[in-house]
Amino acid sequence: MAETFKVYMFGDETGSFAEPLQTLCEHQKGVLFVHFLEELNKVLRDELRKQPRQVRAQISEFTDVLDLIKRYRDSGSRNQILETTITCVYQLASVIRYVVYHLPKDFK
């Protein structure tokens, strides 16, 4: 008997994911999701420090991903680096949210 697999595809970057990501981050309380946000904050800051000065100058300083989203939305300008990052983070966060909601209670 053949096994069944679920496949998740990412790739839609045509919409704005800043607001849905902000909402998702504000309403998630699970341990796995909180851990994801904590690690995400570290990675975003570390990766930004590694970028050339001209890239760092395009991104306001931020305390966490929610602050980054707010500053980006308040700026009113488009930034492909942030749009791609926010889209990717939103897609990963959505998968984590899905997994958390479908885990047996023993694993939450």
N, C-alpha and C. Protein backbone atom coordinates (compact mmCIF):
# COMPACT_ATOMS: atom_id res chain seq x y z
N MET A 1 0.84 -1.17 0.00
CA MET A 1 0.00 0.00 0.00
C MET A 1 0.89 1.24 0.00
N ALA A 2 0.60 2.17 -0.87
CA ALA A 2 1.40 3.38 -1.00
C ALA A 2 1.09 4.35 0.15
N GLU A 3 2.14 5.06 0.61
CA GLU A 3 1.96 6.06 1.66
C GLU A 3 1.43 7.35 1.06
N THR A 4 0.73 8.09 1.87
CA THR A 4 0.20 9.37 1.45
C THR A 4 1.03 10.47 2.09
N PHE A 5 1.41 11.47 1.30
CA PHE A 5 2.19 12.59 1.80
C PHE A 5 1.43 13.89 1.58
N LYS A 6 1.59 14.81 2.50
CA LYS A 6 1.06 16.15 2.31
C LYS A 6 2.21 17.03 1.85
N VAL A 7 1.96 17.85 0.86
CA VAL A 7 2.98 18.73 0.32
C VAL A 7 2.54 20.17 0.54
N TYR A 8 3.43 20.97 1.08
CA TYR A 8 3.16 22.39 1.28
C TYR A 8 4.02 23.17 0.31
N MET A 9 3.40 24.03 -0.46
CA MET A 9 4.14 24.81 -1.45
C MET A 9 4.10 26.28 -1.05
N PHE A 10 5.25 26.90 -1.14
CA PHE A 10 5.35 28.33 -0.90
C PHE A 10 5.68 29.00 -2.22
N GLY A 11 5.39 30.26 -2.31
CA GLY A 11 5.77 30.95 -3.52
C GLY A 11 4.97 32.18 -3.84
N ASP A 12 3.79 32.31 -3.28
CA ASP A 12 2.98 33.48 -3.59
C ASP A 12 3.54 34.70 -2.87
N GLU A 13 4.12 35.61 -3.62
CA GLU A 13 4.65 36.84 -3.05
C GLU A 13 3.90 38.04 -3.61
N THR A 14 2.69 37.82 -4.11
CA THR A 14 1.96 38.91 -4.76
C THR A 14 1.17 39.75 -3.77
N GLY A 15 0.88 39.21 -2.60
CA GLY A 15 0.08 39.96 -1.63
C GLY A 15 0.94 40.59 -0.56
N SER A 16 0.30 41.40 0.25
CA SER A 16 0.98 41.98 1.40
C SER A 16 0.74 41.07 2.60
N PHE A 17 1.81 40.61 3.20
CA PHE A 17 1.70 39.68 4.31
C PHE A 17 2.03 40.33 5.64
N ALA A 18 2.31 41.63 5.63
CA ALA A 18 2.67 42.31 6.88
C ALA A 18 1.53 42.28 7.89
N GLU A 19 0.34 42.66 7.45
CA GLU A 19 -0.79 42.69 8.39
C GLU A 19 -1.18 41.29 8.87
N PRO A 20 -1.30 40.30 7.97
CA PRO A 20 -1.62 38.95 8.47
C PRO A 20 -0.54 38.39 9.41
N LEU A 21 0.73 38.69 9.14
CA LEU A 21 1.80 38.21 10.02
C LEU A 21 1.70 38.90 11.37
N GLN A 22 1.42 40.18 11.37
CA GLN A 22 1.27 40.91 12.62
C GLN A 22 0.14 40.30 13.45
N THR A 23 -0.98 40.04 12.82
CA THR A 23 -2.13 39.44 13.50
C THR A 23 -1.78 38.06 14.03
N LEU A 24 -1.13 37.28 13.21
CA LEU A 24 -0.74 35.92 13.61
C LEU A 24 0.19 35.96 14.83
N CYS A 25 1.16 36.86 14.81
CA CYS A 25 2.12 36.96 15.92
C CYS A 25 1.46 37.46 17.20
N GLU A 26 0.52 38.36 17.06
CA GLU A 26 -0.14 38.92 18.24
C GLU A 26 -1.06 37.92 18.92
N HIS A 27 -1.57 36.94 18.19
CA HIS A 27 -2.56 36.03 18.75
C HIS A 27 -2.04 34.63 19.05
N GLN A 28 -0.80 34.37 18.82
CA GLN A 28 -0.27 33.03 19.07
C GLN A 28 0.40 32.98 20.43
N LYS A 29 0.08 31.95 21.19
CA LYS A 29 0.64 31.82 22.53
C LYS A 29 1.32 30.47 22.77
N GLY A 30 1.25 29.56 21.81
CA GLY A 30 1.83 28.24 22.01
C GLY A 30 3.33 28.28 22.18
N VAL A 31 3.86 27.34 22.92
CA VAL A 31 5.28 27.26 23.21
C VAL A 31 6.10 27.19 21.93
N LEU A 32 5.69 26.37 20.99
CA LEU A 32 6.42 26.22 19.74
C LEU A 32 6.44 27.53 18.96
N PHE A 33 5.32 28.20 18.90
CA PHE A 33 5.24 29.45 18.15
C PHE A 33 6.05 30.55 18.84
N VAL A 34 5.95 30.63 20.16
CA VAL A 34 6.73 31.63 20.91
C VAL A 34 8.22 31.39 20.71
N HIS A 35 8.63 30.13 20.74
CA HIS A 35 10.04 29.80 20.51
C HIS A 35 10.46 30.21 19.09
N PHE A 36 9.60 29.94 18.12
CA PHE A 36 9.88 30.36 16.75
C PHE A 36 10.10 31.87 16.69
N LEU A 37 9.24 32.66 17.33
CA LEU A 37 9.38 34.11 17.32
C LEU A 37 10.67 34.57 18.00
N GLU A 38 11.01 33.94 19.11
CA GLU A 38 12.24 34.30 19.82
C GLU A 38 13.46 34.04 18.95
N GLU A 39 13.51 32.88 18.34
CA GLU A 39 14.64 32.55 17.47
C GLU A 39 14.65 33.43 16.22
N LEU A 40 13.47 33.70 15.69
CA LEU A 40 13.35 34.56 14.52
C LEU A 40 13.93 35.94 14.81
N ASN A 41 13.61 36.50 15.96
CA ASN A 41 14.14 37.81 16.32
C ASN A 41 15.67 37.82 16.34
N LYS A 42 16.26 36.77 16.91
CA LYS A 42 17.72 36.66 16.94
C LYS A 42 18.29 36.57 15.53
N VAL A 43 17.70 35.71 14.71
CA VAL A 43 18.21 35.49 13.35
C VAL A 43 18.09 36.76 12.51
N LEU A 44 16.96 37.44 12.61
CA LEU A 44 16.78 38.67 11.82
C LEU A 44 17.84 39.71 12.18
N ARG A 45 18.07 39.91 13.47
CA ARG A 45 19.09 40.88 13.89
C ARG A 45 20.49 40.45 13.45
N ASP A 46 20.81 39.17 13.62
CA ASP A 46 22.12 38.67 13.22
C ASP A 46 22.34 38.82 11.71
N GLU A 47 21.33 38.46 10.93
CA GLU A 47 21.47 38.55 9.47
C GLU A 47 21.59 40.00 9.02
N LEU A 48 20.86 40.88 9.67
CA LEU A 48 20.95 42.30 9.30
C LEU A 48 22.34 42.85 9.59
N ARG A 49 22.94 42.44 10.71
CA ARG A 49 24.31 42.88 11.05
C ARG A 49 25.33 42.44 10.00
N LYS A 50 25.08 41.32 9.35
CA LYS A 50 26.02 40.78 8.35
C LYS A 50 25.93 41.48 7.00
N GLN A 51 24.87 42.26 6.80
CA GLN A 51 24.64 42.88 5.49
C GLN A 51 25.52 44.12 5.30
N PRO A 52 25.78 44.46 4.05
CA PRO A 52 26.55 45.68 3.77
C PRO A 52 25.80 46.92 4.28
N ARG A 53 26.53 47.98 4.50
CA ARG A 53 25.97 49.21 5.04
C ARG A 53 24.76 49.72 4.26
N GLN A 54 24.84 49.65 2.92
CA GLN A 54 23.73 50.17 2.11
C GLN A 54 22.45 49.37 2.31
N VAL A 55 22.56 48.10 2.63
CA VAL A 55 21.37 47.28 2.92
C VAL A 55 20.86 47.62 4.32
N ARG A 56 21.77 47.70 5.29
CA ARG A 56 21.35 48.03 6.66
C ARG A 56 20.67 49.39 6.72
N ALA A 57 21.10 50.32 5.90
CA ALA A 57 20.52 51.66 5.90
C ALA A 57 19.06 51.65 5.43
N GLN A 58 18.66 50.64 4.71
CA GLN A 58 17.28 50.55 4.19
C GLN A 58 16.29 50.03 5.23
N ILE A 59 16.81 49.50 6.33
CA ILE A 59 15.95 48.85 7.32
C ILE A 59 16.12 49.53 8.67
N SER A 60 15.02 50.04 9.22
CA SER A 60 15.06 50.70 10.52
C SER A 60 15.44 49.71 11.61
N GLU A 61 16.06 50.22 12.66
CA GLU A 61 16.34 49.36 13.80
C GLU A 61 15.02 48.88 14.39
N PHE A 62 15.01 47.68 14.92
CA PHE A 62 13.79 47.08 15.45
C PHE A 62 14.12 46.23 16.66
N THR A 63 13.13 46.04 17.52
CA THR A 63 13.34 45.22 18.72
C THR A 63 12.93 43.77 18.49
N ASP A 64 11.89 43.57 17.69
CA ASP A 64 11.42 42.22 17.38
C ASP A 64 10.66 42.26 16.07
N VAL A 65 10.15 41.12 15.64
CA VAL A 65 9.48 41.04 14.34
C VAL A 65 8.23 41.91 14.29
N LEU A 66 7.51 42.01 15.39
CA LEU A 66 6.32 42.88 15.40
C LEU A 66 6.72 44.34 15.22
N ASP A 67 7.80 44.75 15.87
CA ASP A 67 8.29 46.12 15.71
C ASP A 67 8.77 46.35 14.28
N LEU A 68 9.43 45.36 13.70
CA LEU A 68 9.89 45.47 12.31
C LEU A 68 8.71 45.66 11.36
N ILE A 69 7.67 44.88 11.56
CA ILE A 69 6.47 45.00 10.71
C ILE A 69 5.84 46.38 10.87
N LYS A 70 5.71 46.82 12.12
CA LYS A 70 5.10 48.13 12.36
C LYS A 70 5.91 49.24 11.69
N ARG A 71 7.21 49.22 11.86
CA ARG A 71 8.06 50.26 11.26
C ARG A 71 7.97 50.21 9.73
N TYR A 72 7.93 49.02 9.19
CA TYR A 72 7.82 48.88 7.73
C TYR A 72 6.48 49.45 7.25
N ARG A 73 5.42 49.09 7.91
CA ARG A 73 4.09 49.58 7.50
C ARG A 73 3.98 51.09 7.68
N ASP A 74 4.54 51.62 8.76
CA ASP A 74 4.49 53.07 9.02
C ASP A 74 5.34 53.87 8.03
N SER A 75 6.36 53.23 7.46
CA SER A 75 7.25 53.96 6.55
C SER A 75 6.54 54.35 5.25
N GLY A 76 5.57 53.55 4.85
CA GLY A 76 4.83 53.84 3.63
C GLY A 76 5.61 53.59 2.35
N SER A 77 6.84 53.12 2.47
CA SER A 77 7.63 52.84 1.26
C SER A 77 7.76 51.34 1.07
N ARG A 78 8.07 50.95 -0.14
CA ARG A 78 8.24 49.52 -0.45
C ARG A 78 9.71 49.17 -0.34
N ASN A 79 9.97 48.00 0.19
CA ASN A 79 11.33 47.50 0.34
C ASN A 79 11.29 46.01 0.02
N GLN A 80 11.86 45.63 -1.10
CA GLN A 80 11.81 44.24 -1.57
C GLN A 80 12.44 43.27 -0.58
N ILE A 81 13.50 43.71 0.09
CA ILE A 81 14.14 42.84 1.08
C ILE A 81 13.16 42.50 2.19
N LEU A 82 12.50 43.53 2.73
CA LEU A 82 11.55 43.29 3.82
C LEU A 82 10.30 42.56 3.34
N GLU A 83 9.82 42.89 2.16
CA GLU A 83 8.63 42.21 1.65
C GLU A 83 8.87 40.72 1.49
N THR A 84 10.02 40.35 0.96
CA THR A 84 10.36 38.94 0.78
C THR A 84 10.53 38.26 2.14
N THR A 85 11.21 38.94 3.06
CA THR A 85 11.42 38.38 4.39
C THR A 85 10.10 38.18 5.11
N ILE A 86 9.24 39.20 5.09
CA ILE A 86 7.95 39.11 5.77
C ILE A 86 7.09 38.01 5.16
N THR A 87 7.13 37.88 3.84
CA THR A 87 6.37 36.82 3.18
C THR A 87 6.85 35.45 3.62
N CYS A 88 8.14 35.25 3.62
CA CYS A 88 8.72 33.95 4.03
C CYS A 88 8.38 33.64 5.48
N VAL A 89 8.53 34.63 6.35
CA VAL A 89 8.24 34.43 7.77
C VAL A 89 6.75 34.12 7.97
N TYR A 90 5.90 34.82 7.24
CA TYR A 90 4.46 34.56 7.35
C TYR A 90 4.14 33.12 6.94
N GLN A 91 4.74 32.67 5.86
CA GLN A 91 4.47 31.32 5.39
C GLN A 91 4.96 30.28 6.40
N LEU A 92 6.15 30.47 6.95
CA LEU A 92 6.65 29.55 7.97
C LEU A 92 5.79 29.59 9.22
N ALA A 93 5.39 30.78 9.64
CA ALA A 93 4.55 30.92 10.83
C ALA A 93 3.20 30.24 10.62
N SER A 94 2.68 30.32 9.42
CA SER A 94 1.41 29.67 9.12
C SER A 94 1.51 28.16 9.24
N VAL A 95 2.62 27.60 8.77
CA VAL A 95 2.83 26.16 8.90
C VAL A 95 2.96 25.77 10.36
N ILE A 96 3.72 26.56 11.12
CA ILE A 96 3.89 26.26 12.55
C ILE A 96 2.53 26.32 13.25
N ARG A 97 1.73 27.33 12.94
CA ARG A 97 0.40 27.44 13.54
C ARG A 97 -0.43 26.20 13.20
N TYR A 98 -0.38 25.78 11.95
CA TYR A 98 -1.13 24.60 11.52
C TYR A 98 -0.68 23.36 12.30
N VAL A 99 0.62 23.18 12.41
CA VAL A 99 1.16 22.00 13.10
C VAL A 99 0.74 22.03 14.57
N VAL A 100 0.85 23.19 15.21
CA VAL A 100 0.50 23.30 16.62
C VAL A 100 -0.97 22.95 16.85
N TYR A 101 -1.84 23.42 15.97
CA TYR A 101 -3.26 23.12 16.13
C TYR A 101 -3.59 21.66 15.86
N HIS A 102 -2.73 20.96 15.16
CA HIS A 102 -3.01 19.57 14.82
C HIS A 102 -2.15 18.57 15.58
N LEU A 103 -1.35 19.04 16.51
CA LEU A 103 -0.58 18.13 17.35
C LEU A 103 -1.47 17.51 18.42
N PRO A 104 -1.18 16.28 18.79
CA PRO A 104 -1.91 15.70 19.94
C PRO A 104 -1.62 16.55 21.19
N LYS A 105 -2.53 16.59 22.13
CA LYS A 105 -2.38 17.41 23.32
C LYS A 105 -1.09 17.11 24.09
N ASP A 106 -0.63 15.88 24.05
CA ASP A 106 0.59 15.49 24.78
C ASP A 106 1.81 16.24 24.29
N PHE A 107 1.80 16.75 23.06
CA PHE A 107 2.98 17.39 22.49
C PHE A 107 2.91 18.91 22.54
N LYS A 108 1.82 19.49 23.00
CA LYS A 108 1.67 20.94 23.01
C LYS A 108 2.32 21.58 24.20
